[in-house]
Amino acid sequence: MGTVALAVTDGMLHFELSIAYEVFGSAPVDVAGPWYDLAVCGPGAVRAGRFTLEPDHGFDRLPGADTVIVPGWADVDEAPPAELVDAVRAAHEAGARVASLCTGAFVLAAAGLLDGRRATTHWAHTGVLAARYPEVTVDPDVLYVDNGSVLTSAGKAAAMDLCLHIVRLDHGSSATNAVARRLVVPPHRDGGQAQFVTTPAPAPDSHPLAELFPWVIERLDQPLTVEDLARRARMSSRHLGRQFRSVTGTTPLQWLLTQRIRHAQELLETTDDSVDTIAAATGMGTATTLRRHFNRTVGVPPDTYRRTFRSRSRPVPDGVTGPAGHGAKR
């Protein structure tokens, strides 16, 4: 477990940075034995949002660390500093476990650490990551991905999930539960659990599929096929597949399934319709089919999803405290 090096530079997201500092920088009082030696590493005083941070070490400390954490990168349209990318690459080559939080995945991808690997990032940026780094298998539907020596998380709260996952690997469940109790967060959300927030369609008129998307959304109750979509878009099925991969980072059928699940989520949140009715309205056909796809995609059954979101949106009576730790991944 040893040293955890937190790699910081101007343009990092302070939320993810703070999460890593809280988890790895403070040993739980009720856990015996050594904790992590946290080193904050950067090129000098750095700005994270409206905060100024004074690192303990330079980037030359990263290759000597056991674990390197790269917080979220604020502007994914801006290339991360070459010295940060080089230091992260050198740390991995030296044997360090490297983990990114949220859009920190763009730093790992720039370093070549994600080539040929499955990875994730915040749902709003998975399409950009996939398009910019085609050698990376981007999974937009999970909380985090553990490749052993390289780990990536999705956005915001999922950064906490990945940090706790690392603690569990190093110290076991008891220590992880102690950290979670101190921070008042759930001790475990499996990495394969999907993001509750699904990827929206790209802005209209900005790509070759701009007219196709709204046409599909209006017909989710119909049994659409790839051929139907290709015919409507006036292109071959193969060309349609290439356009979908370029625009959405996924296949036509996977995108269509995502839209059906998203619509099912909306209906579960806003109506009292039965699961059978929602299955028909979303083109799933039967409640059994909806439950199977919904559970696999979202990570919980439709009925559980409805109860979770209804309980979060229902006003809490005076003097009653709601359950801690519930909520969609941000």
C-alpha atoms as a PDB file:
ATOM      1  CA  MET A   1       0.000   0.000   0.000  1.00  0.00           C
ATOM      2  CA  GLY A   2       2.888   2.387   0.892  1.00  0.00           C
ATOM      3  CA  THR A   3       2.948   5.836  -0.707  1.00  0.00           C
ATOM      4  CA  VAL A   4       0.009   7.392  -2.517  1.00  0.00           C
ATOM      5  CA  ALA A   5       1.071  10.294  -4.713  1.00  0.00           C
ATOM      6  CA  LEU A   6      -1.607  12.807  -5.610  1.00  0.00           C
ATOM      7  CA  ALA A   7      -0.590  14.401  -8.938  1.00  0.00           C
ATOM      8  CA  VAL A   8      -1.808  18.004  -9.072  1.00  0.00           C
ATOM      9  CA  THR A   9      -1.402  20.884 -11.491  1.00  0.00           C
ATOM     10  CA  ASP A  10      -3.304  23.963 -12.590  1.00  0.00           C
ATOM     11  CA  GLY A  11      -6.662  22.973 -14.048  1.00  0.00           C
ATOM     12  CA  MET A  12      -7.495  20.115 -11.697  1.00  0.00           C
ATOM     13  CA  LEU A  13     -10.996  19.755 -10.236  1.00  0.00           C
ATOM     14  CA  HIS A  14     -10.916  20.491  -6.518  1.00  0.00           C
ATOM     15  CA  PHE A  15     -13.798  18.131  -5.618  1.00  0.00           C
ATOM     16  CA  GLU A  16     -12.042  14.975  -6.820  1.00  0.00           C
ATOM     17  CA  LEU A  17      -8.722  16.207  -5.437  1.00  0.00           C
ATOM     18  CA  SER A  18     -10.303  16.700  -2.004  1.00  0.00           C
ATOM     19  CA  ILE A  19     -11.898  13.240  -2.071  1.00  0.00           C
ATOM     20  CA  ALA A  20      -8.542  11.567  -2.636  1.00  0.00           C
ATOM     21  CA  TYR A  21      -6.906  13.674   0.067  1.00  0.00           C
ATOM     22  CA  GLU A  22      -9.623  12.777   2.585  1.00  0.00           C
ATOM     23  CA  VAL A  23      -9.555   9.035   1.870  1.00  0.00           C
ATOM     24  CA  PHE A  24      -5.807   8.441   1.633  1.00  0.00           C
ATOM     25  CA  GLY A  25      -4.539  11.247   3.837  1.00  0.00           C
ATOM     26  CA  SER A  26      -6.360  10.456   7.093  1.00  0.00           C
ATOM     27  CA  ALA A  27      -6.161   7.080   8.822  1.00  0.00           C
ATOM     28  CA  PRO A  28      -9.400   5.955  10.537  1.00  0.00           C
ATOM     29  CA  VAL A  29      -9.003   6.139  14.320  1.00  0.00           C
ATOM     30  CA  ASP A  30     -10.473   2.656  14.811  1.00  0.00           C
ATOM     31  CA  VAL A  31      -8.178   0.885  12.323  1.00  0.00           C
ATOM     32  CA  ALA A  32      -4.949  -0.593  13.641  1.00  0.00           C
ATOM     33  CA  GLY A  33      -1.767  -0.735  11.634  1.00  0.00           C
ATOM     34  CA  PRO A  34      -0.051   1.602   9.166  1.00  0.00           C
ATOM     35  CA  TRP A  35      -1.984   3.788   6.752  1.00  0.00           C
ATOM     36  CA  TYR A  36      -0.929   5.409   3.490  1.00  0.00           C
ATOM     37  CA  ASP A  37       1.884   7.906   3.242  1.00  0.00           C
ATOM     38  CA  LEU A  38       0.225  10.622   1.138  1.00  0.00           C
ATOM     39  CA  ALA A  39       2.432  12.839  -1.015  1.00  0.00           C
ATOM     40  CA  VAL A  40       0.937  15.795  -2.878  1.00  0.00           C
ATOM     41  CA  CYS A  41       3.057  16.289  -5.991  1.00  0.00           C
ATOM     42  CA  GLY A  42       3.072  19.183  -8.443  1.00  0.00           C
ATOM     43  CA  PRO A  43       5.214  21.719 -10.318  1.00  0.00           C
ATOM     44  CA  GLY A  44       4.785  24.361  -7.592  1.00  0.00           C
ATOM     45  CA  ALA A  45       1.825  26.263  -6.196  1.00  0.00           C
ATOM     46  CA  VAL A  46      -1.205  25.272  -8.302  1.00  0.00           C
ATOM     47  CA  ARG A  47      -4.735  26.552  -8.742  1.00  0.00           C
ATOM     48  CA  ALA A  48      -7.701  24.171  -8.410  1.00  0.00           C
ATOM     49  CA  GLY A  49     -10.795  26.222  -9.102  1.00  0.00           C
ATOM     50  CA  ARG A  50     -10.694  29.104  -6.595  1.00  0.00           C
ATOM     51  CA  PHE A  51      -8.246  27.299  -4.309  1.00  0.00           C
ATOM     52  CA  THR A  52      -4.452  27.455  -4.182  1.00  0.00           C
ATOM     53  CA  LEU A  53      -2.542  24.311  -3.227  1.00  0.00           C
ATOM     54  CA  GLU A  54       1.070  23.968  -2.101  1.00  0.00           C
ATOM     55  CA  PRO A  55       2.447  20.522  -3.133  1.00  0.00           C
ATOM     56  CA  ASP A  56       4.928  18.701  -0.892  1.00  0.00           C
ATOM     57  CA  HIS A  57       7.005  17.352  -3.771  1.00  0.00           C
ATOM     58  CA  GLY A  58       7.613  17.776  -7.490  1.00  0.00           C
ATOM     59  CA  PHE A  59       6.483  15.377 -10.206  1.00  0.00           C
ATOM     60  CA  ASP A  60       9.811  13.561  -9.856  1.00  0.00           C
ATOM     61  CA  ARG A  61       8.286  11.919  -6.755  1.00  0.00           C
ATOM     62  CA  LEU A  62       5.654  10.032  -8.805  1.00  0.00           C
ATOM     63  CA  PRO A  63       7.876   7.185 -10.105  1.00  0.00           C
ATOM     64  CA  GLY A  64       8.747   6.274  -6.507  1.00  0.00           C
ATOM     65  CA  ALA A  65       5.120   5.994  -5.385  1.00  0.00           C
ATOM     66  CA  ASP A  66       3.160   2.781  -5.016  1.00  0.00           C
ATOM     67  CA  THR A  67      -0.088   4.394  -6.173  1.00  0.00           C
ATOM     68  CA  VAL A  68      -0.564   7.565  -8.233  1.00  0.00           C
ATOM     69  CA  ILE A  69      -3.937   9.341  -8.201  1.00  0.00           C
ATOM     70  CA  VAL A  70      -4.785  11.783 -11.007  1.00  0.00           C
ATOM     71  CA  PRO A  71      -7.788  13.984 -10.095  1.00  0.00           C
ATOM     72  CA  GLY A  72     -10.285  15.326 -12.623  1.00  0.00           C
ATOM     73  CA  TRP A  73      -8.985  17.520 -15.436  1.00  0.00           C
ATOM     74  CA  ALA A  74     -11.211  20.615 -15.693  1.00  0.00           C
ATOM     75  CA  ASP A  75     -11.028  21.380 -19.441  1.00  0.00           C
ATOM     76  CA  VAL A  76     -11.062  18.225 -21.555  1.00  0.00           C
ATOM     77  CA  ASP A  77     -10.600  20.359 -24.695  1.00  0.00           C
ATOM     78  CA  GLU A  78      -7.198  21.471 -23.397  1.00  0.00           C
ATOM     79  CA  ALA A  79      -4.233  19.117 -23.515  1.00  0.00           C
ATOM     80  CA  PRO A  80      -2.849  18.310 -20.047  1.00  0.00           C
ATOM     81  CA  PRO A  81       0.709  19.543 -19.328  1.00  0.00           C
ATOM     82  CA  ALA A  82       3.395  17.410 -20.922  1.00  0.00           C
ATOM     83  CA  GLU A  83       5.357  17.231 -17.658  1.00  0.00           C
ATOM     84  CA  LEU A  84       2.309  15.727 -15.904  1.00  0.00           C
ATOM     85  CA  VAL A  85       1.701  13.220 -18.702  1.00  0.00           C
ATOM     86  CA  ASP A  86       5.375  12.205 -18.770  1.00  0.00           C
ATOM     87  CA  ALA A  87       5.507  11.810 -14.969  1.00  0.00           C
ATOM     88  CA  VAL A  88       2.373   9.657 -14.889  1.00  0.00           C
ATOM     89  CA  ARG A  89       3.755   7.461 -17.666  1.00  0.00           C
ATOM     90  CA  ALA A  90       7.100   7.140 -15.882  1.00  0.00           C
ATOM     91  CA  ALA A  91       5.353   6.193 -12.639  1.00  0.00           C
ATOM     92  CA  HIS A  92       3.440   3.398 -14.361  1.00  0.00           C
ATOM     93  CA  GLU A  93       6.582   2.144 -16.081  1.00  0.00           C
ATOM     94  CA  ALA A  94       8.255   2.081 -12.658  1.00  0.00           C
ATOM     95  CA  GLY A  95       5.511  -0.212 -11.358  1.00  0.00           C
ATOM     96  CA  ALA A  96       3.077   2.207  -9.742  1.00  0.00           C
ATOM     97  CA  ARG A  97      -0.658   1.558  -9.731  1.00  0.00           C
ATOM     98  CA  VAL A  98      -2.216   4.570 -11.499  1.00  0.00           C
ATOM     99  CA  ALA A  99      -5.824   5.660 -10.956  1.00  0.00           C
ATOM    100  CA  SER A 100      -7.743   8.544 -12.484  1.00  0.00           C
ATOM    101  CA  LEU A 101     -10.773  10.246 -10.976  1.00  0.00           C
ATOM    102  CA  CYS A 102     -13.460  11.562 -13.321  1.00  0.00           C
ATOM    103  CA  THR A 103     -11.859  13.362 -16.303  1.00  0.00           C
ATOM    104  CA  GLY A 104      -8.391  12.527 -15.031  1.00  0.00           C
ATOM    105  CA  ALA A 105      -8.811   9.663 -17.524  1.00  0.00           C
ATOM    106  CA  PHE A 106      -7.795  12.135 -20.254  1.00  0.00           C
ATOM    107  CA  VAL A 107      -4.372  12.427 -18.600  1.00  0.00           C
ATOM    108  CA  LEU A 108      -3.995   8.638 -18.488  1.00  0.00           C
ATOM    109  CA  ALA A 109      -5.113   8.369 -22.106  1.00  0.00           C
ATOM    110  CA  ALA A 110      -2.618  11.038 -23.178  1.00  0.00           C
ATOM    111  CA  ALA A 111       0.094   9.011 -21.427  1.00  0.00           C
ATOM    112  CA  GLY A 112      -0.921   5.920 -23.422  1.00  0.00           C
ATOM    113  CA  LEU A 113      -1.888   3.979 -20.296  1.00  0.00           C
ATOM    114  CA  LEU A 114      -5.414   3.270 -21.524  1.00  0.00           C
ATOM    115  CA  ASP A 115      -4.503   1.922 -24.970  1.00  0.00           C
ATOM    116  CA  GLY A 116      -6.016  -1.525 -25.403  1.00  0.00           C
ATOM    117  CA  ARG A 117      -7.782  -1.226 -22.052  1.00  0.00           C
ATOM    118  CA  ARG A 118     -11.351  -0.673 -20.925  1.00  0.00           C
ATOM    119  CA  ALA A 119     -11.861   2.665 -19.173  1.00  0.00           C
ATOM    120  CA  THR A 120     -14.503   5.141 -18.098  1.00  0.00           C
ATOM    121  CA  THR A 121     -14.905   8.807 -17.221  1.00  0.00           C
ATOM    122  CA  HIS A 122     -17.743  11.221 -16.468  1.00  0.00           C
ATOM    123  CA  TRP A 123     -20.737  10.322 -18.657  1.00  0.00           C
ATOM    124  CA  ALA A 124     -20.740  13.779 -20.284  1.00  0.00           C
ATOM    125  CA  HIS A 125     -17.236  13.204 -21.703  1.00  0.00           C
ATOM    126  CA  THR A 126     -17.168   9.503 -22.644  1.00  0.00           C
ATOM    127  CA  GLY A 127     -17.920  10.305 -26.298  1.00  0.00           C
ATOM    128  CA  VAL A 128     -15.039  12.773 -26.471  1.00  0.00           C
ATOM    129  CA  LEU A 129     -12.656  10.303 -24.839  1.00  0.00           C
ATOM    130  CA  ALA A 130     -13.656   7.538 -27.250  1.00  0.00           C
ATOM    131  CA  ALA A 131     -13.341   9.762 -30.317  1.00  0.00           C
ATOM    132  CA  ARG A 132      -9.992  11.255 -29.299  1.00  0.00           C
ATOM    133  CA  TYR A 133      -8.419   7.968 -28.217  1.00  0.00           C
ATOM    134  CA  PRO A 134      -9.795   5.182 -30.469  1.00  0.00           C
ATOM    135  CA  GLU A 135      -7.417   2.615 -28.943  1.00  0.00           C
ATOM    136  CA  VAL A 136      -9.295   2.927 -25.649  1.00  0.00           C
ATOM    137  CA  THR A 137     -12.437   0.864 -25.009  1.00  0.00           C
ATOM    138  CA  VAL A 138     -14.607   3.478 -23.293  1.00  0.00           C
ATOM    139  CA  ASP A 139     -17.444   2.134 -21.147  1.00  0.00           C
ATOM    140  CA  PRO A 140     -19.948   4.941 -20.410  1.00  0.00           C
ATOM    141  CA  ASP A 141     -22.184   2.832 -18.187  1.00  0.00           C
ATOM    142  CA  VAL A 142     -20.101   1.974 -15.124  1.00  0.00           C
ATOM    143  CA  LEU A 143     -18.882   3.657 -11.945  1.00  0.00           C
ATOM    144  CA  TYR A 144     -15.261   2.577 -12.277  1.00  0.00           C
ATOM    145  CA  VAL A 145     -13.004   0.134 -14.114  1.00  0.00           C
ATOM    146  CA  ASP A 146     -10.203  -1.821 -12.432  1.00  0.00           C
ATOM    147  CA  ASN A 147      -7.544  -3.111 -14.828  1.00  0.00           C
ATOM    148  CA  GLY A 148      -5.150  -4.004 -12.027  1.00  0.00           C
ATOM    149  CA  SER A 149      -2.356  -1.482 -12.520  1.00  0.00           C
ATOM    150  CA  VAL A 150      -4.593   1.097 -14.205  1.00  0.00           C
ATOM    151  CA  LEU A 151      -7.948   2.209 -12.794  1.00  0.00           C
ATOM    152  CA  THR A 152     -10.442   4.832 -13.953  1.00  0.00           C
ATOM    153  CA  SER A 153     -13.622   6.220 -12.413  1.00  0.00           C
ATOM    154  CA  ALA A 154     -16.634   8.079 -13.692  1.00  0.00           C
ATOM    155  CA  GLY A 155     -17.627  11.501 -12.387  1.00  0.00           C
ATOM    156  CA  LYS A 156     -17.861  13.115  -8.968  1.00  0.00           C
ATOM    157  CA  ALA A 157     -19.324  10.632  -6.457  1.00  0.00           C
ATOM    158  CA  ALA A 158     -17.830   7.705  -8.408  1.00  0.00           C
ATOM    159  CA  ALA A 159     -14.401   9.079  -7.524  1.00  0.00           C
ATOM    160  CA  MET A 160     -15.221   8.219  -3.921  1.00  0.00           C
ATOM    161  CA  ASP A 161     -16.313   4.731  -4.997  1.00  0.00           C
ATOM    162  CA  LEU A 162     -12.976   4.106  -6.700  1.00  0.00           C
ATOM    163  CA  CYS A 163     -10.952   5.461  -3.766  1.00  0.00           C
ATOM    164  CA  LEU A 164     -12.851   3.177  -1.372  1.00  0.00           C
ATOM    165  CA  HIS A 165     -12.332   0.283  -3.791  1.00  0.00           C
ATOM    166  CA  ILE A 166      -8.570   0.870  -3.594  1.00  0.00           C
ATOM    167  CA  VAL A 167      -8.720   0.966   0.212  1.00  0.00           C
ATOM    168  CA  ARG A 168     -10.663  -2.314   0.162  1.00  0.00           C
ATOM    169  CA  LEU A 169      -7.996  -3.919  -2.036  1.00  0.00           C
ATOM    170  CA  ASP A 170      -5.216  -2.771   0.290  1.00  0.00           C
ATOM    171  CA  HIS A 171      -6.783  -2.891   3.766  1.00  0.00           C
ATOM    172  CA  GLY A 172      -9.933  -5.025   3.500  1.00  0.00           C
ATOM    173  CA  SER A 173     -13.611  -4.354   4.106  1.00  0.00           C
ATOM    174  CA  SER A 174     -13.333  -3.459   7.789  1.00  0.00           C
ATOM    175  CA  ALA A 175     -11.011  -0.513   7.147  1.00  0.00           C
ATOM    176  CA  THR A 176     -13.116   0.554   4.170  1.00  0.00           C
ATOM    177  CA  ASN A 177     -16.242   0.552   6.306  1.00  0.00           C
ATOM    178  CA  ALA A 178     -14.438   2.692   8.884  1.00  0.00           C
ATOM    179  CA  VAL A 179     -13.457   5.248   6.240  1.00  0.00           C
ATOM    180  CA  ALA A 180     -16.993   5.272   4.846  1.00  0.00           C
ATOM    181  CA  ARG A 181     -18.472   5.813   8.323  1.00  0.00           C
ATOM    182  CA  ARG A 182     -16.168   8.774   8.917  1.00  0.00           C
ATOM    183  CA  LEU A 183     -17.108  10.330   5.574  1.00  0.00           C
ATOM    184  CA  VAL A 184     -20.805   9.303   5.864  1.00  0.00           C
ATOM    185  CA  VAL A 185     -20.913   7.578   2.472  1.00  0.00           C
ATOM    186  CA  PRO A 186     -21.904   4.066   1.336  1.00  0.00           C
ATOM    187  CA  PRO A 187     -18.960   1.696   1.905  1.00  0.00           C
ATOM    188  CA  HIS A 188     -19.438  -0.144  -1.370  1.00  0.00           C
ATOM    189  CA  ARG A 189     -20.969   0.439  -4.772  1.00  0.00           C
ATOM    190  CA  ASP A 190     -19.802  -2.136  -7.280  1.00  0.00           C
ATOM    191  CA  GLY A 191     -17.844  -0.773 -10.220  1.00  0.00           C
ATOM    192  CA  GLY A 192     -20.227  -2.410 -12.672  1.00  0.00           C
ATOM    193  CA  GLN A 193     -23.182  -0.451 -11.332  1.00  0.00           C
ATOM    194  CA  ALA A 194     -24.353   1.932 -14.015  1.00  0.00           C
ATOM    195  CA  GLN A 195     -24.547   5.680 -13.837  1.00  0.00           C
ATOM    196  CA  PHE A 196     -28.138   6.715 -13.113  1.00  0.00           C
ATOM    197  CA  VAL A 197     -27.640   9.701 -15.408  1.00  0.00           C
ATOM    198  CA  THR A 198     -27.604   8.529 -19.010  1.00  0.00           C
ATOM    199  CA  THR A 199     -25.835  10.278 -21.850  1.00  0.00           C
ATOM    200  CA  PRO A 200     -27.989  12.853 -23.614  1.00  0.00           C
ATOM    201  CA  ALA A 201     -28.112  13.135 -27.387  1.00  0.00           C
ATOM    202  CA  PRO A 202     -25.533  15.523 -28.895  1.00  0.00           C
ATOM    203  CA  ALA A 203     -26.648  19.048 -29.712  1.00  0.00           C
ATOM    204  CA  PRO A 204     -28.927  19.229 -32.782  1.00  0.00           C
ATOM    205  CA  ASP A 205     -27.534  20.177 -36.192  1.00  0.00           C
ATOM    206  CA  SER A 206     -23.972  19.415 -35.091  1.00  0.00           C
ATOM    207  CA  HIS A 207     -23.456  16.020 -36.756  1.00  0.00           C
ATOM    208  CA  PRO A 208     -24.726  13.766 -39.606  1.00  0.00           C
ATOM    209  CA  LEU A 209     -27.221  12.005 -37.327  1.00  0.00           C
ATOM    210  CA  ALA A 210     -28.894  15.218 -36.075  1.00  0.00           C
ATOM    211  CA  GLU A 211     -32.178  14.519 -37.865  1.00  0.00           C
ATOM    212  CA  LEU A 212     -32.177  10.807 -37.042  1.00  0.00           C
ATOM    213  CA  PHE A 213     -31.986  11.110 -33.257  1.00  0.00           C
ATOM    214  CA  PRO A 214     -35.274  12.986 -32.661  1.00  0.00           C
ATOM    215  CA  TRP A 215     -37.004  10.712 -35.172  1.00  0.00           C
ATOM    216  CA  VAL A 216     -35.911   7.677 -33.127  1.00  0.00           C
ATOM    217  CA  ILE A 217     -36.825   9.272 -29.785  1.00  0.00           C
ATOM    218  CA  GLU A 218     -40.395   9.794 -31.000  1.00  0.00           C
ATOM    219  CA  ARG A 219     -40.666   6.094 -31.947  1.00  0.00           C
ATOM    220  CA  LEU A 220     -39.152   4.277 -29.001  1.00  0.00           C
ATOM    221  CA  ASP A 221     -42.346   2.256 -28.604  1.00  0.00           C
ATOM    222  CA  GLN A 222     -41.747   0.680 -32.026  1.00  0.00           C
ATOM    223  CA  PRO A 223     -39.516  -2.350 -32.823  1.00  0.00           C
ATOM    224  CA  LEU A 224     -36.790  -0.398 -34.629  1.00  0.00           C
ATOM    225  CA  THR A 225     -33.831  -2.163 -36.225  1.00  0.00           C
ATOM    226  CA  VAL A 226     -30.441  -0.978 -37.472  1.00  0.00           C
ATOM    227  CA  GLU A 227     -31.810  -1.288 -41.006  1.00  0.00           C
ATOM    228  CA  ASP A 228     -34.713   1.002 -40.089  1.00  0.00           C
ATOM    229  CA  LEU A 229     -32.304   3.600 -38.765  1.00  0.00           C
ATOM    230  CA  ALA A 230     -29.994   3.303 -41.783  1.00  0.00           C
ATOM    231  CA  ARG A 231     -32.928   3.670 -44.184  1.00  0.00           C
ATOM    232  CA  ARG A 232     -34.129   6.782 -42.372  1.00  0.00           C
ATOM    233  CA  ALA A 233     -30.600   8.263 -42.353  1.00  0.00           C
ATOM    234  CA  ARG A 234     -30.188   7.409 -46.066  1.00  0.00           C
ATOM    235  CA  MET A 235     -26.946   5.510 -45.564  1.00  0.00           C
ATOM    236  CA  SER A 236     -25.763   1.924 -45.451  1.00  0.00           C
ATOM    237  CA  SER A 237     -25.860   0.009 -42.175  1.00  0.00           C
ATOM    238  CA  ARG A 238     -22.057  -0.113 -42.149  1.00  0.00           C
ATOM    239  CA  HIS A 239     -21.728   3.641 -42.694  1.00  0.00           C
ATOM    240  CA  LEU A 240     -24.380   4.230 -40.042  1.00  0.00           C
ATOM    241  CA  GLY A 241     -22.332   2.196 -37.591  1.00  0.00           C
ATOM    242  CA  ARG A 242     -19.235   4.304 -38.296  1.00  0.00           C
ATOM    243  CA  GLN A 243     -21.201   7.527 -37.833  1.00  0.00           C
ATOM    244  CA  PHE A 244     -22.668   6.306 -34.538  1.00  0.00           C
ATOM    245  CA  ARG A 245     -19.236   5.336 -33.258  1.00  0.00           C
ATOM    246  CA  SER A 246     -17.881   8.756 -34.193  1.00  0.00           C
ATOM    247  CA  VAL A 247     -20.770  10.774 -32.717  1.00  0.00           C
ATOM    248  CA  THR A 248     -21.790   8.714 -29.673  1.00  0.00           C
ATOM    249  CA  GLY A 249     -18.856   6.396 -29.021  1.00  0.00           C
ATOM    250  CA  THR A 250     -21.104   3.348 -29.264  1.00  0.00           C
ATOM    251  CA  THR A 251     -23.132   1.224 -31.719  1.00  0.00           C
ATOM    252  CA  PRO A 252     -26.615   2.018 -33.077  1.00  0.00           C
ATOM    253  CA  LEU A 253     -28.224  -0.816 -31.102  1.00  0.00           C
ATOM    254  CA  GLN A 254     -26.480   0.127 -27.857  1.00  0.00           C
ATOM    255  CA  TRP A 255     -27.470   3.770 -28.327  1.00  0.00           C
ATOM    256  CA  LEU A 256     -31.059   2.732 -29.025  1.00  0.00           C
ATOM    257  CA  LEU A 257     -31.111   0.565 -25.897  1.00  0.00           C
ATOM    258  CA  THR A 258     -29.726   3.472 -23.863  1.00  0.00           C
ATOM    259  CA  GLN A 259     -32.542   5.727 -25.094  1.00  0.00           C
ATOM    260  CA  ARG A 260     -35.139   3.074 -24.214  1.00  0.00           C
ATOM    261  CA  ILE A 261     -33.689   2.722 -20.718  1.00  0.00           C
ATOM    262  CA  ARG A 262     -33.520   6.517 -20.309  1.00  0.00           C
ATOM    263  CA  HIS A 263     -37.187   6.801 -21.268  1.00  0.00           C
ATOM    264  CA  ALA A 264     -38.045   4.001 -18.853  1.00  0.00           C
ATOM    265  CA  GLN A 265     -36.231   5.905 -16.098  1.00  0.00           C
ATOM    266  CA  GLU A 266     -38.271   9.018 -16.840  1.00  0.00           C
ATOM    267  CA  LEU A 267     -41.537   7.085 -16.742  1.00  0.00           C
ATOM    268  CA  LEU A 268     -40.587   5.343 -13.509  1.00  0.00           C
ATOM    269  CA  GLU A 269     -39.776   8.693 -11.917  1.00  0.00           C
ATOM    270  CA  THR A 270     -42.763  10.675 -13.174  1.00  0.00           C
ATOM    271  CA  THR A 271     -45.673   8.231 -13.577  1.00  0.00           C
ATOM    272  CA  ASP A 272     -47.434   5.428 -11.732  1.00  0.00           C
ATOM    273  CA  ASP A 273     -47.528   3.257 -14.863  1.00  0.00           C
ATOM    274  CA  SER A 274     -46.943  -0.438 -14.326  1.00  0.00           C
ATOM    275  CA  VAL A 275     -43.726  -2.059 -15.485  1.00  0.00           C
ATOM    276  CA  ASP A 276     -45.724  -3.822 -18.220  1.00  0.00           C
ATOM    277  CA  THR A 277     -47.038  -0.485 -19.500  1.00  0.00           C
ATOM    278  CA  ILE A 278     -43.575   1.072 -19.405  1.00  0.00           C
ATOM    279  CA  ALA A 279     -42.142  -1.950 -21.230  1.00  0.00           C
ATOM    280  CA  ALA A 280     -44.606  -1.361 -24.071  1.00  0.00           C
ATOM    281  CA  ALA A 281     -43.995   2.395 -24.123  1.00  0.00           C
ATOM    282  CA  THR A 282     -40.247   1.920 -24.422  1.00  0.00           C
ATOM    283  CA  GLY A 283     -40.304  -0.803 -27.052  1.00  0.00           C
ATOM    284  CA  MET A 284     -39.108  -3.515 -24.670  1.00  0.00           C
ATOM    285  CA  GLY A 285     -42.173  -5.632 -25.310  1.00  0.00           C
ATOM    286  CA  THR A 286     -42.562  -7.386 -21.972  1.00  0.00           C
ATOM    287  CA  ALA A 287     -41.873  -6.596 -18.333  1.00  0.00           C
ATOM    288  CA  THR A 288     -39.417  -9.492 -18.216  1.00  0.00           C
ATOM    289  CA  THR A 289     -37.360  -8.017 -21.054  1.00  0.00           C
ATOM    290  CA  LEU A 290     -37.427  -4.550 -19.490  1.00  0.00           C
ATOM    291  CA  ARG A 291     -36.349  -5.884 -16.095  1.00  0.00           C
ATOM    292  CA  ARG A 292     -33.465  -7.839 -17.624  1.00  0.00           C
ATOM    293  CA  HIS A 293     -32.063  -4.909 -19.634  1.00  0.00           C
ATOM    294  CA  PHE A 294     -32.804  -2.320 -16.945  1.00  0.00           C
ATOM    295  CA  ASN A 295     -31.106  -4.323 -14.195  1.00  0.00           C
ATOM    296  CA  ARG A 296     -28.061  -4.985 -16.364  1.00  0.00           C
ATOM    297  CA  THR A 297     -27.782  -1.351 -17.514  1.00  0.00           C
ATOM    298  CA  VAL A 298     -28.757   0.641 -14.428  1.00  0.00           C
ATOM    299  CA  GLY A 299     -27.668  -1.881 -11.818  1.00  0.00           C
ATOM    300  CA  VAL A 300     -31.003  -2.138  -9.982  1.00  0.00           C
ATOM    301  CA  PRO A 301     -34.478  -3.477 -10.948  1.00  0.00           C
ATOM    302  CA  PRO A 302     -37.119  -0.994 -12.182  1.00  0.00           C
ATOM    303  CA  ASP A 303     -39.170  -1.249  -8.968  1.00  0.00           C
ATOM    304  CA  THR A 304     -36.112  -0.487  -6.818  1.00  0.00           C
ATOM    305  CA  TYR A 305     -35.201   2.432  -9.056  1.00  0.00           C
ATOM    306  CA  ARG A 306     -38.686   3.888  -8.728  1.00  0.00           C
ATOM    307  CA  ARG A 307     -38.673   3.562  -4.940  1.00  0.00           C
ATOM    308  CA  THR A 308     -35.231   5.162  -4.702  1.00  0.00           C
ATOM    309  CA  PHE A 309     -36.104   8.205  -6.754  1.00  0.00           C
ATOM    310  CA  ARG A 310     -39.591   8.588  -5.295  1.00  0.00           C
ATOM    311  CA  SER A 311     -38.117   8.556  -1.759  1.00  0.00           C
ATOM    312  CA  ARG A 312     -35.532  11.160  -2.720  1.00  0.00           C
ATOM    313  CA  SER A 313     -38.084  13.495  -4.285  1.00  0.00           C
ATOM    314  CA  ARG A 314     -40.770  13.109  -1.594  1.00  0.00           C
ATOM    315  CA  PRO A 315     -40.656  15.854   1.081  1.00  0.00           C
ATOM    316  CA  VAL A 316     -39.318  14.648   4.423  1.00  0.00           C
ATOM    317  CA  PRO A 317     -41.641  15.394   7.389  1.00  0.00           C
ATOM    318  CA  ASP A 318     -40.352  17.689  10.122  1.00  0.00           C
ATOM    319  CA  GLY A 319     -38.199  15.843  12.622  1.00  0.00           C
ATOM    320  CA  VAL A 320     -37.525  12.906  10.282  1.00  0.00           C
ATOM    321  CA  THR A 321     -34.070  12.302   8.841  1.00  0.00           C
ATOM    322  CA  GLY A 322     -33.801  10.551   5.486  1.00  0.00           C
ATOM    323  CA  PRO A 323     -31.448   7.614   4.924  1.00  0.00           C
ATOM    324  CA  ALA A 324     -27.836   8.575   4.317  1.00  0.00           C
ATOM    325  CA  GLY A 325     -25.912   7.443   1.304  1.00  0.00           C
ATOM    326  CA  HIS A 326     -28.725   7.195  -1.246  1.00  0.00           C
ATOM    327  CA  GLY A 327     -28.473   9.001  -4.519  1.00  0.00           C
ATOM    328  CA  ALA A 328     -27.609   8.781  -8.181  1.00  0.00           C
ATOM    329  CA  LYS A 329     -24.057   8.939  -9.305  1.00  0.00           C
ATOM    330  CA  ARG A 330     -23.059  12.379 -10.501  1.00  0.00           C
END
